[in-house]
Amino acid sequence: MLLWGCAELPVPPPELESAARPQADISADGLFRLAGRIGVAHNGESFSGSLRWSHGAGDDEIFILSPLGQGVARIVSNSAGASLETAEGQGYRAADVESLTEEVLGWRLPARGLQYWVMGRTAPDSAAERELDDNMQLRTLRQDGWRVDYLGYRMVQGILLPAKLEVTLDERLRVRLVIDDWVLP
C-alpha cells in the first residue's frame, strides 16, 4: 500500500529564527563578553571552574578560574600572538591560544573557532557541517576536526544565543561551557 500526502515544513517562531540564520544582527565583528562555567575532560583527567572572556576586534582576554574563584590562568591574544600568565605569575608565549594552552595547561582551548561557536556561528575561514533541531536551532556543528553540540539556548538582548555547549575533539578532549552572562555591544 502506498500513501501519498503533503506536509509543510514547520516554521520556527520568530524568537527562534535568529538561531537558525547567521547572527549578523548581533554585531558585524562579533564583539562580546561572557562569563560562565567550564569543564574540561582530557586523557582521563578533568578540570572544572569558571571562565570570563572578553572578545574584541582583534584581541581576546580569557580568565580561567578555579571552582573557588582563584585565578588559574589569564590568556591574552592578539595579532602578535598569545600569552598566558599562571596564578604563580609564570608567563608563557606562543603563536596562538590553541598551542599555548596545550603546552601549558595540557589541553587545547580552540579559541580561534570558539569565538564563533559560542555565538552559534561557523568560523568563516573553513568548511563546516551544521545540523538543526526541529525548532531550526543549531544542534550540532562540525568544523576543523571539532564537534560542537548545542545543549541549550537563552534570549539575550532580544537574540537567542547558546547557553550551554560541549566541544569535542576526537573523543580525546571534551570542553563543556555553560554561559551564565552575556554582554553584547
N, C-alpha and C. Protein backbone atom coordinates (compact mmCIF):
# COMPACT_ATOMS: atom_id res chain seq x y z
N MET A 1 0.84 -1.16 0.00
CA MET A 1 0.00 0.00 0.00
C MET A 1 0.90 1.23 0.00
N LEU A 2 0.58 2.19 -0.85
CA LEU A 2 1.31 3.44 -0.91
C LEU A 2 0.42 4.56 -0.42
N LEU A 3 0.99 5.42 0.37
CA LEU A 3 0.26 6.59 0.85
C LEU A 3 0.96 7.83 0.32
N TRP A 4 0.18 8.74 -0.16
CA TRP A 4 0.71 9.99 -0.67
C TRP A 4 0.13 11.12 0.16
N GLY A 5 0.91 12.12 0.34
CA GLY A 5 0.40 13.26 1.08
C GLY A 5 1.35 14.43 0.99
N CYS A 6 0.90 15.50 1.48
CA CYS A 6 1.72 16.70 1.51
C CYS A 6 1.90 17.12 2.96
N ALA A 7 3.04 17.60 3.23
CA ALA A 7 3.30 18.10 4.58
C ALA A 7 4.09 19.38 4.47
N GLU A 8 3.77 20.31 5.33
CA GLU A 8 4.52 21.56 5.36
C GLU A 8 5.65 21.44 6.36
N LEU A 9 6.75 22.05 6.03
CA LEU A 9 7.84 22.11 6.99
C LEU A 9 7.46 23.08 8.10
N PRO A 10 7.83 22.78 9.33
CA PRO A 10 7.47 23.69 10.42
C PRO A 10 8.18 25.03 10.26
N VAL A 11 7.44 26.08 10.54
CA VAL A 11 8.01 27.42 10.51
C VAL A 11 8.40 27.78 11.93
N PRO A 12 9.68 28.11 12.15
CA PRO A 12 10.09 28.42 13.52
C PRO A 12 9.44 29.70 14.01
N PRO A 13 9.11 29.77 15.30
CA PRO A 13 8.60 31.02 15.85
C PRO A 13 9.64 32.11 15.67
N PRO A 14 9.21 33.38 15.57
CA PRO A 14 10.17 34.47 15.32
C PRO A 14 11.33 34.51 16.31
N GLU A 15 11.08 34.18 17.58
CA GLU A 15 12.16 34.25 18.57
C GLU A 15 13.21 33.17 18.35
N LEU A 16 12.90 32.12 17.58
CA LEU A 16 13.87 31.07 17.33
C LEU A 16 14.59 31.24 16.00
N GLU A 17 14.06 32.09 15.13
CA GLU A 17 14.67 32.24 13.81
C GLU A 17 16.11 32.71 13.88
N SER A 18 16.44 33.57 14.85
CA SER A 18 17.80 34.11 14.90
C SER A 18 18.84 33.03 15.13
N ALA A 19 18.48 31.92 15.76
CA ALA A 19 19.45 30.85 15.99
C ALA A 19 19.69 30.04 14.74
N ALA A 20 18.77 30.07 13.79
CA ALA A 20 18.89 29.25 12.59
C ALA A 20 19.61 29.99 11.47
N ARG A 21 19.66 31.29 11.53
CA ARG A 21 20.32 32.04 10.47
C ARG A 21 21.59 32.69 11.04
N PRO A 22 22.50 33.11 10.18
CA PRO A 22 23.69 33.80 10.68
C PRO A 22 23.28 35.00 11.51
N GLN A 23 23.98 35.22 12.59
CA GLN A 23 23.57 36.25 13.53
C GLN A 23 24.26 37.58 13.25
N ALA A 24 24.09 38.05 12.02
CA ALA A 24 24.73 39.29 11.61
C ALA A 24 24.21 40.48 12.40
N ASP A 25 23.00 40.34 12.96
CA ASP A 25 22.43 41.45 13.69
C ASP A 25 23.02 41.60 15.09
N ILE A 26 23.82 40.67 15.55
CA ILE A 26 24.45 40.79 16.87
C ILE A 26 25.46 41.92 16.82
N SER A 27 26.41 41.79 15.94
CA SER A 27 27.47 42.77 15.78
C SER A 27 28.28 42.31 14.59
N ALA A 28 28.60 43.21 13.72
CA ALA A 28 29.31 42.84 12.50
C ALA A 28 30.64 42.16 12.79
N ASP A 29 31.29 42.56 13.86
CA ASP A 29 32.60 41.98 14.16
C ASP A 29 32.56 40.97 15.30
N GLY A 30 31.39 40.63 15.82
CA GLY A 30 31.26 39.57 16.82
C GLY A 30 31.82 39.91 18.19
N LEU A 31 31.80 41.17 18.58
CA LEU A 31 32.31 41.56 19.89
C LEU A 31 31.40 41.03 20.98
N PHE A 32 31.99 40.55 22.08
CA PHE A 32 31.19 40.08 23.20
C PHE A 32 32.03 39.98 24.46
N ARG A 33 31.33 39.90 25.58
CA ARG A 33 31.92 39.49 26.86
C ARG A 33 30.99 38.42 27.40
N LEU A 34 31.59 37.40 27.99
CA LEU A 34 30.77 36.36 28.59
C LEU A 34 31.41 35.88 29.88
N ALA A 35 30.57 35.32 30.72
CA ALA A 35 31.03 34.71 31.97
C ALA A 35 30.24 33.43 32.14
N GLY A 36 30.92 32.41 32.62
CA GLY A 36 30.23 31.14 32.81
C GLY A 36 31.12 30.12 33.46
N ARG A 37 30.73 28.87 33.26
CA ARG A 37 31.46 27.75 33.85
C ARG A 37 32.08 26.91 32.76
N ILE A 38 33.21 26.31 33.07
CA ILE A 38 33.91 25.47 32.11
C ILE A 38 34.25 24.14 32.78
N GLY A 39 34.10 23.09 32.02
CA GLY A 39 34.52 21.76 32.46
C GLY A 39 35.35 21.14 31.35
N VAL A 40 36.48 20.59 31.69
CA VAL A 40 37.38 20.00 30.70
C VAL A 40 37.69 18.57 31.10
N ALA A 41 37.56 17.65 30.16
CA ALA A 41 37.96 16.25 30.37
C ALA A 41 38.97 15.92 29.28
N HIS A 42 40.16 15.48 29.70
CA HIS A 42 41.23 15.21 28.74
C HIS A 42 42.12 14.09 29.27
N ASN A 43 42.25 13.03 28.48
CA ASN A 43 43.12 11.90 28.84
C ASN A 43 42.88 11.38 30.26
N GLY A 44 41.64 11.21 30.63
CA GLY A 44 41.32 10.66 31.95
C GLY A 44 41.38 11.64 33.09
N GLU A 45 41.77 12.86 32.83
CA GLU A 45 41.80 13.90 33.87
C GLU A 45 40.70 14.91 33.60
N SER A 46 40.30 15.61 34.64
CA SER A 46 39.26 16.61 34.44
C SER A 46 39.54 17.86 35.27
N PHE A 47 38.97 18.95 34.83
CA PHE A 47 39.08 20.24 35.49
C PHE A 47 37.73 20.93 35.37
N SER A 48 37.33 21.62 36.41
CA SER A 48 36.14 22.46 36.31
C SER A 48 36.42 23.78 37.01
N GLY A 49 35.79 24.79 36.54
CA GLY A 49 35.98 26.11 37.11
C GLY A 49 35.08 27.10 36.41
N SER A 50 35.50 28.34 36.42
CA SER A 50 34.71 29.36 35.74
C SER A 50 35.59 30.07 34.71
N LEU A 51 34.91 30.79 33.84
CA LEU A 51 35.56 31.41 32.70
C LEU A 51 34.98 32.80 32.52
N ARG A 52 35.86 33.75 32.24
CA ARG A 52 35.44 35.10 31.83
C ARG A 52 36.18 35.41 30.55
N TRP A 53 35.46 35.83 29.53
CA TRP A 53 36.07 36.03 28.22
C TRP A 53 35.59 37.35 27.65
N SER A 54 36.55 38.19 27.27
CA SER A 54 36.26 39.44 26.59
C SER A 54 36.85 39.34 25.19
N HIS A 55 35.97 39.36 24.18
CA HIS A 55 36.41 39.23 22.79
C HIS A 55 36.22 40.57 22.09
N GLY A 56 37.33 41.17 21.69
CA GLY A 56 37.29 42.46 21.00
C GLY A 56 37.67 42.31 19.55
N ALA A 57 37.78 43.42 18.87
CA ALA A 57 38.17 43.43 17.46
C ALA A 57 39.67 43.15 17.38
N GLY A 58 40.02 41.89 17.17
CA GLY A 58 41.42 41.52 17.03
C GLY A 58 42.13 41.12 18.31
N ASP A 59 41.43 41.15 19.44
CA ASP A 59 42.09 40.73 20.68
C ASP A 59 41.11 40.02 21.60
N ASP A 60 41.67 39.17 22.44
CA ASP A 60 40.89 38.41 23.41
C ASP A 60 41.59 38.44 24.75
N GLU A 61 40.79 38.41 25.81
CA GLU A 61 41.31 38.23 27.15
C GLU A 61 40.42 37.20 27.83
N ILE A 62 41.04 36.10 28.26
CA ILE A 62 40.30 34.99 28.85
C ILE A 62 40.88 34.71 30.24
N PHE A 63 40.02 34.70 31.23
CA PHE A 63 40.41 34.32 32.59
C PHE A 63 39.80 32.96 32.89
N ILE A 64 40.62 32.02 33.33
CA ILE A 64 40.14 30.73 33.79
C ILE A 64 40.36 30.69 35.29
N LEU A 65 39.29 30.41 36.04
CA LEU A 65 39.33 30.45 37.49
C LEU A 65 38.99 29.08 38.07
N SER A 66 39.50 28.81 39.25
CA SER A 66 39.21 27.55 39.94
C SER A 66 37.75 27.58 40.43
N PRO A 67 37.23 26.44 40.89
CA PRO A 67 35.86 26.43 41.42
C PRO A 67 35.66 27.41 42.59
N LEU A 68 36.73 27.74 43.30
CA LEU A 68 36.63 28.69 44.40
C LEU A 68 36.87 30.14 43.96
N GLY A 69 37.05 30.36 42.65
CA GLY A 69 37.21 31.70 42.13
C GLY A 69 38.63 32.23 42.09
N GLN A 70 39.61 31.37 42.39
CA GLN A 70 41.01 31.81 42.33
C GLN A 70 41.51 31.67 40.90
N GLY A 71 42.34 32.60 40.49
CA GLY A 71 42.87 32.59 39.13
C GLY A 71 43.72 31.37 38.85
N VAL A 72 43.48 30.74 37.72
CA VAL A 72 44.31 29.63 37.24
C VAL A 72 45.19 30.13 36.11
N ALA A 73 44.56 30.89 35.18
CA ALA A 73 45.32 31.41 34.05
C ALA A 73 44.64 32.64 33.48
N ARG A 74 45.46 33.55 32.99
CA ARG A 74 44.99 34.71 32.23
C ARG A 74 45.62 34.59 30.86
N ILE A 75 44.78 34.54 29.84
CA ILE A 75 45.25 34.37 28.46
C ILE A 75 44.91 35.64 27.69
N VAL A 76 45.89 36.19 27.00
CA VAL A 76 45.70 37.36 26.17
C VAL A 76 46.16 37.01 24.77
N SER A 77 45.34 37.35 23.79
CA SER A 77 45.66 37.02 22.40
C SER A 77 45.38 38.22 21.51
N ASN A 78 46.29 38.46 20.55
CA ASN A 78 46.10 39.50 19.55
C ASN A 78 46.90 39.13 18.31
N SER A 79 47.04 40.04 17.38
CA SER A 79 47.73 39.72 16.12
C SER A 79 49.21 39.39 16.33
N ALA A 80 49.79 39.78 17.46
CA ALA A 80 51.20 39.50 17.74
C ALA A 80 51.42 38.12 18.34
N GLY A 81 50.34 37.42 18.73
CA GLY A 81 50.47 36.10 19.33
C GLY A 81 49.63 35.99 20.58
N ALA A 82 49.96 35.01 21.41
CA ALA A 82 49.19 34.76 22.62
C ALA A 82 50.13 34.64 23.81
N SER A 83 49.65 35.09 24.97
CA SER A 83 50.42 34.94 26.20
C SER A 83 49.51 34.37 27.27
N LEU A 84 50.11 33.65 28.19
CA LEU A 84 49.37 33.05 29.30
C LEU A 84 50.16 33.31 30.56
N GLU A 85 49.48 33.81 31.58
CA GLU A 85 50.10 34.01 32.89
C GLU A 85 49.38 33.12 33.89
N THR A 86 50.14 32.33 34.63
CA THR A 86 49.56 31.43 35.63
C THR A 86 49.32 32.17 36.94
N ALA A 87 48.63 31.52 37.85
CA ALA A 87 48.37 32.10 39.17
C ALA A 87 49.67 32.37 39.92
N GLU A 88 50.70 31.60 39.62
CA GLU A 88 52.01 31.77 40.27
C GLU A 88 52.82 32.89 39.63
N GLY A 89 52.28 33.53 38.59
CA GLY A 89 52.99 34.62 37.94
C GLY A 89 53.92 34.20 36.82
N GLN A 90 53.94 32.93 36.47
CA GLN A 90 54.79 32.47 35.37
C GLN A 90 54.14 32.87 34.04
N GLY A 91 54.95 33.36 33.12
CA GLY A 91 54.45 33.79 31.82
C GLY A 91 54.93 32.91 30.69
N TYR A 92 54.06 32.70 29.72
CA TYR A 92 54.36 31.88 28.55
C TYR A 92 53.84 32.59 27.31
N ARG A 93 54.50 32.34 26.17
CA ARG A 93 54.08 32.93 24.90
C ARG A 93 54.07 31.87 23.82
N ALA A 94 53.18 32.06 22.84
CA ALA A 94 53.11 31.17 21.68
C ALA A 94 52.42 31.94 20.55
N ALA A 95 52.39 31.32 19.38
CA ALA A 95 51.79 31.96 18.22
C ALA A 95 50.27 32.09 18.34
N ASP A 96 49.63 31.15 19.05
CA ASP A 96 48.17 31.18 19.17
C ASP A 96 47.72 30.54 20.48
N VAL A 97 46.47 30.77 20.82
CA VAL A 97 45.91 30.25 22.08
C VAL A 97 45.90 28.73 22.09
N GLU A 98 45.60 28.13 20.95
CA GLU A 98 45.48 26.67 20.89
C GLU A 98 46.78 25.98 21.30
N SER A 99 47.88 26.36 20.69
CA SER A 99 49.16 25.72 21.02
C SER A 99 49.64 26.13 22.42
N LEU A 100 49.34 27.35 22.83
CA LEU A 100 49.75 27.82 24.15
C LEU A 100 49.05 27.04 25.27
N THR A 101 47.74 26.88 25.17
CA THR A 101 47.02 26.15 26.21
C THR A 101 47.39 24.67 26.22
N GLU A 102 47.65 24.13 25.05
CA GLU A 102 48.06 22.72 25.02
C GLU A 102 49.41 22.53 25.71
N GLU A 103 50.33 23.45 25.48
CA GLU A 103 51.66 23.37 26.08
C GLU A 103 51.62 23.60 27.60
N VAL A 104 50.87 24.60 28.04
CA VAL A 104 50.92 24.99 29.45
C VAL A 104 49.87 24.27 30.30
N LEU A 105 48.64 24.18 29.80
CA LEU A 105 47.56 23.58 30.59
C LEU A 105 47.38 22.09 30.32
N GLY A 106 47.95 21.63 29.21
CA GLY A 106 47.83 20.21 28.88
C GLY A 106 46.63 19.87 28.01
N TRP A 107 45.81 20.86 27.67
CA TRP A 107 44.67 20.66 26.79
C TRP A 107 44.51 21.88 25.90
N ARG A 108 43.92 21.66 24.75
CA ARG A 108 43.83 22.69 23.71
C ARG A 108 42.49 23.43 23.80
N LEU A 109 42.54 24.72 24.03
CA LEU A 109 41.34 25.56 24.00
C LEU A 109 41.22 26.11 22.58
N PRO A 110 40.18 25.70 21.84
CA PRO A 110 40.07 26.10 20.43
C PRO A 110 39.52 27.52 20.24
N ALA A 111 40.21 28.51 20.76
CA ALA A 111 39.71 29.88 20.78
C ALA A 111 39.43 30.43 19.39
N ARG A 112 40.21 30.05 18.41
CA ARG A 112 40.02 30.57 17.04
C ARG A 112 38.62 30.23 16.53
N GLY A 113 38.16 29.00 16.73
CA GLY A 113 36.81 28.62 16.32
C GLY A 113 35.77 28.97 17.37
N LEU A 114 36.15 28.85 18.63
CA LEU A 114 35.21 29.04 19.74
C LEU A 114 34.62 30.44 19.77
N GLN A 115 35.38 31.44 19.31
CA GLN A 115 34.85 32.80 19.29
C GLN A 115 33.60 32.90 18.42
N TYR A 116 33.47 32.05 17.42
CA TYR A 116 32.28 32.00 16.58
C TYR A 116 31.26 31.00 17.14
N TRP A 117 31.73 29.84 17.57
CA TRP A 117 30.85 28.77 18.03
C TRP A 117 30.00 29.18 19.22
N VAL A 118 30.57 29.97 20.15
CA VAL A 118 29.79 30.38 21.32
C VAL A 118 28.62 31.28 20.92
N MET A 119 28.70 31.88 19.75
CA MET A 119 27.62 32.75 19.27
C MET A 119 26.68 32.01 18.31
N GLY A 120 26.91 30.71 18.13
CA GLY A 120 26.06 29.94 17.23
C GLY A 120 26.40 30.14 15.77
N ARG A 121 27.63 30.50 15.48
CA ARG A 121 28.09 30.75 14.11
C ARG A 121 29.18 29.75 13.75
N THR A 122 29.43 29.61 12.45
CA THR A 122 30.59 28.85 12.00
C THR A 122 31.74 29.82 11.76
N ALA A 123 32.97 29.34 11.96
CA ALA A 123 34.14 30.17 11.64
C ALA A 123 34.16 30.37 10.13
N PRO A 124 34.42 31.58 9.66
CA PRO A 124 34.28 31.88 8.24
C PRO A 124 35.37 31.31 7.34
N ASP A 125 36.49 30.88 7.89
CA ASP A 125 37.63 30.52 7.05
C ASP A 125 37.77 29.03 6.77
N SER A 126 36.76 28.20 7.11
CA SER A 126 36.85 26.77 6.81
C SER A 126 35.45 26.18 6.66
N ALA A 127 35.40 25.03 6.01
CA ALA A 127 34.12 24.36 5.77
C ALA A 127 33.54 23.83 7.07
N ALA A 128 32.22 23.73 7.12
CA ALA A 128 31.54 23.24 8.32
C ALA A 128 30.29 22.48 7.94
N GLU A 129 29.92 21.53 8.79
CA GLU A 129 28.65 20.82 8.66
C GLU A 129 27.78 21.27 9.82
N ARG A 130 26.51 21.58 9.51
CA ARG A 130 25.57 22.04 10.53
C ARG A 130 24.35 21.13 10.55
N GLU A 131 23.87 20.81 11.75
CA GLU A 131 22.61 20.09 11.93
C GLU A 131 21.70 20.95 12.77
N LEU A 132 20.45 21.09 12.32
CA LEU A 132 19.47 21.87 13.06
C LEU A 132 18.48 20.93 13.73
N ASP A 133 17.90 21.38 14.83
CA ASP A 133 16.88 20.57 15.50
C ASP A 133 15.50 20.90 14.92
N ASP A 134 14.45 20.35 15.50
CA ASP A 134 13.09 20.55 15.00
C ASP A 134 12.64 22.00 15.07
N ASN A 135 13.25 22.79 15.95
CA ASN A 135 12.93 24.21 16.08
C ASN A 135 13.83 25.09 15.23
N MET A 136 14.62 24.46 14.35
CA MET A 136 15.54 25.16 13.46
C MET A 136 16.69 25.84 14.21
N GLN A 137 16.97 25.37 15.42
CA GLN A 137 18.12 25.85 16.17
C GLN A 137 19.31 24.96 15.83
N LEU A 138 20.49 25.54 15.86
CA LEU A 138 21.70 24.77 15.63
C LEU A 138 21.85 23.74 16.74
N ARG A 139 21.92 22.47 16.35
CA ARG A 139 22.07 21.39 17.33
C ARG A 139 23.51 20.89 17.36
N THR A 140 24.11 20.68 16.18
CA THR A 140 25.47 20.17 16.09
C THR A 140 26.21 20.88 14.97
N LEU A 141 27.46 21.16 15.23
CA LEU A 141 28.34 21.79 14.25
C LEU A 141 29.63 21.01 14.22
N ARG A 142 30.13 20.71 13.03
CA ARG A 142 31.43 20.05 12.88
C ARG A 142 32.31 20.95 12.02
N GLN A 143 33.48 21.30 12.60
CA GLN A 143 34.38 22.19 11.88
C GLN A 143 35.80 21.99 12.39
N ASP A 144 36.74 21.89 11.45
CA ASP A 144 38.17 21.79 11.77
C ASP A 144 38.50 20.64 12.72
N GLY A 145 37.78 19.52 12.60
CA GLY A 145 38.02 18.37 13.45
C GLY A 145 37.29 18.40 14.77
N TRP A 146 36.62 19.50 15.08
CA TRP A 146 35.88 19.67 16.33
C TRP A 146 34.40 19.40 16.09
N ARG A 147 33.75 18.88 17.11
CA ARG A 147 32.29 18.71 17.10
C ARG A 147 31.74 19.59 18.21
N VAL A 148 30.77 20.42 17.88
CA VAL A 148 30.16 21.32 18.85
C VAL A 148 28.69 20.92 18.99
N ASP A 149 28.30 20.50 20.18
CA ASP A 149 26.91 20.16 20.47
C ASP A 149 26.29 21.29 21.27
N TYR A 150 25.20 21.84 20.75
CA TYR A 150 24.49 22.93 21.43
C TYR A 150 23.42 22.31 22.30
N LEU A 151 23.56 22.47 23.61
CA LEU A 151 22.70 21.79 24.57
C LEU A 151 21.64 22.70 25.19
N GLY A 152 21.69 23.98 24.88
CA GLY A 152 20.69 24.91 25.41
C GLY A 152 20.91 26.32 24.88
N TYR A 153 19.83 27.07 24.81
CA TYR A 153 19.85 28.45 24.34
C TYR A 153 19.13 29.33 25.35
N ARG A 154 19.38 30.64 25.26
CA ARG A 154 18.60 31.59 26.04
C ARG A 154 18.58 32.93 25.32
N MET A 155 17.57 33.71 25.62
CA MET A 155 17.39 35.01 25.00
C MET A 155 18.29 36.03 25.68
N VAL A 156 19.07 36.76 24.88
CA VAL A 156 19.98 37.79 25.38
C VAL A 156 19.76 39.03 24.52
N GLN A 157 19.30 40.10 25.13
CA GLN A 157 19.07 41.35 24.42
C GLN A 157 18.25 41.13 23.15
N GLY A 158 17.24 40.28 23.25
CA GLY A 158 16.36 40.01 22.12
C GLY A 158 16.90 39.05 21.08
N ILE A 159 18.04 38.43 21.37
CA ILE A 159 18.67 37.50 20.43
C ILE A 159 18.86 36.16 21.12
N LEU A 160 18.51 35.08 20.45
CA LEU A 160 18.68 33.75 21.01
C LEU A 160 20.14 33.32 20.84
N LEU A 161 20.83 33.08 21.96
CA LEU A 161 22.24 32.71 21.94
C LEU A 161 22.45 31.40 22.69
N PRO A 162 23.52 30.68 22.35
CA PRO A 162 23.83 29.45 23.08
C PRO A 162 24.07 29.74 24.56
N ALA A 163 23.55 28.87 25.41
CA ALA A 163 23.76 28.98 26.85
C ALA A 163 24.58 27.81 27.37
N LYS A 164 24.55 26.71 26.64
CA LYS A 164 25.30 25.52 27.05
C LYS A 164 25.78 24.81 25.79
N LEU A 165 27.08 24.51 25.73
CA LEU A 165 27.62 23.78 24.60
C LEU A 165 28.75 22.88 25.03
N GLU A 166 28.95 21.84 24.25
CA GLU A 166 30.02 20.89 24.50
C GLU A 166 30.85 20.77 23.23
N VAL A 167 32.15 20.97 23.37
CA VAL A 167 33.08 20.96 22.24
C VAL A 167 34.00 19.76 22.41
N THR A 168 34.03 18.90 21.39
CA THR A 168 34.78 17.65 21.49
C THR A 168 35.76 17.53 20.33
N LEU A 169 36.96 17.02 20.63
CA LEU A 169 37.96 16.74 19.61
C LEU A 169 38.26 15.25 19.66
N ASP A 170 37.76 14.51 18.68
CA ASP A 170 38.05 13.07 18.55
C ASP A 170 37.91 12.30 19.85
N GLU A 171 36.98 12.64 20.69
CA GLU A 171 36.74 11.96 21.96
C GLU A 171 37.93 12.02 22.93
N ARG A 172 39.03 12.68 22.52
CA ARG A 172 40.19 12.80 23.41
C ARG A 172 40.06 13.98 24.35
N LEU A 173 39.32 14.97 23.89
CA LEU A 173 39.18 16.20 24.66
C LEU A 173 37.73 16.66 24.60
N ARG A 174 37.17 16.97 25.76
CA ARG A 174 35.81 17.49 25.83
C ARG A 174 35.82 18.75 26.69
N VAL A 175 35.33 19.83 26.13
CA VAL A 175 35.22 21.10 26.84
C VAL A 175 33.73 21.46 26.90
N ARG A 176 33.22 21.61 28.10
CA ARG A 176 31.80 21.97 28.26
C ARG A 176 31.74 23.38 28.81
N LEU A 177 30.92 24.21 28.16
CA LEU A 177 30.73 25.60 28.60
C LEU A 177 29.27 25.83 28.95
N VAL A 178 29.05 26.46 30.08
CA VAL A 178 27.73 26.93 30.46
C VAL A 178 27.88 28.44 30.60
N ILE A 179 27.21 29.17 29.73
CA ILE A 179 27.35 30.62 29.70
C ILE A 179 26.24 31.23 30.55
N ASP A 180 26.64 31.84 31.66
CA ASP A 180 25.68 32.42 32.59
C ASP A 180 25.34 33.86 32.25
N ASP A 181 26.31 34.61 31.75
CA ASP A 181 26.12 36.03 31.46
C ASP A 181 26.73 36.40 30.12
N TRP A 182 25.97 37.11 29.32
CA TRP A 182 26.42 37.65 28.04
C TRP A 182 26.37 39.17 28.12
N VAL A 183 27.34 39.84 27.52
CA VAL A 183 27.28 41.28 27.30
C VAL A 183 27.62 41.50 25.84
N LEU A 184 26.67 42.08 25.10
CA LEU A 184 26.87 42.39 23.69
C LEU A 184 26.91 43.90 23.54
N PRO A 185 27.70 44.40 22.57
CA PRO A 185 27.77 45.86 22.41
C PRO A 185 26.45 46.45 21.91
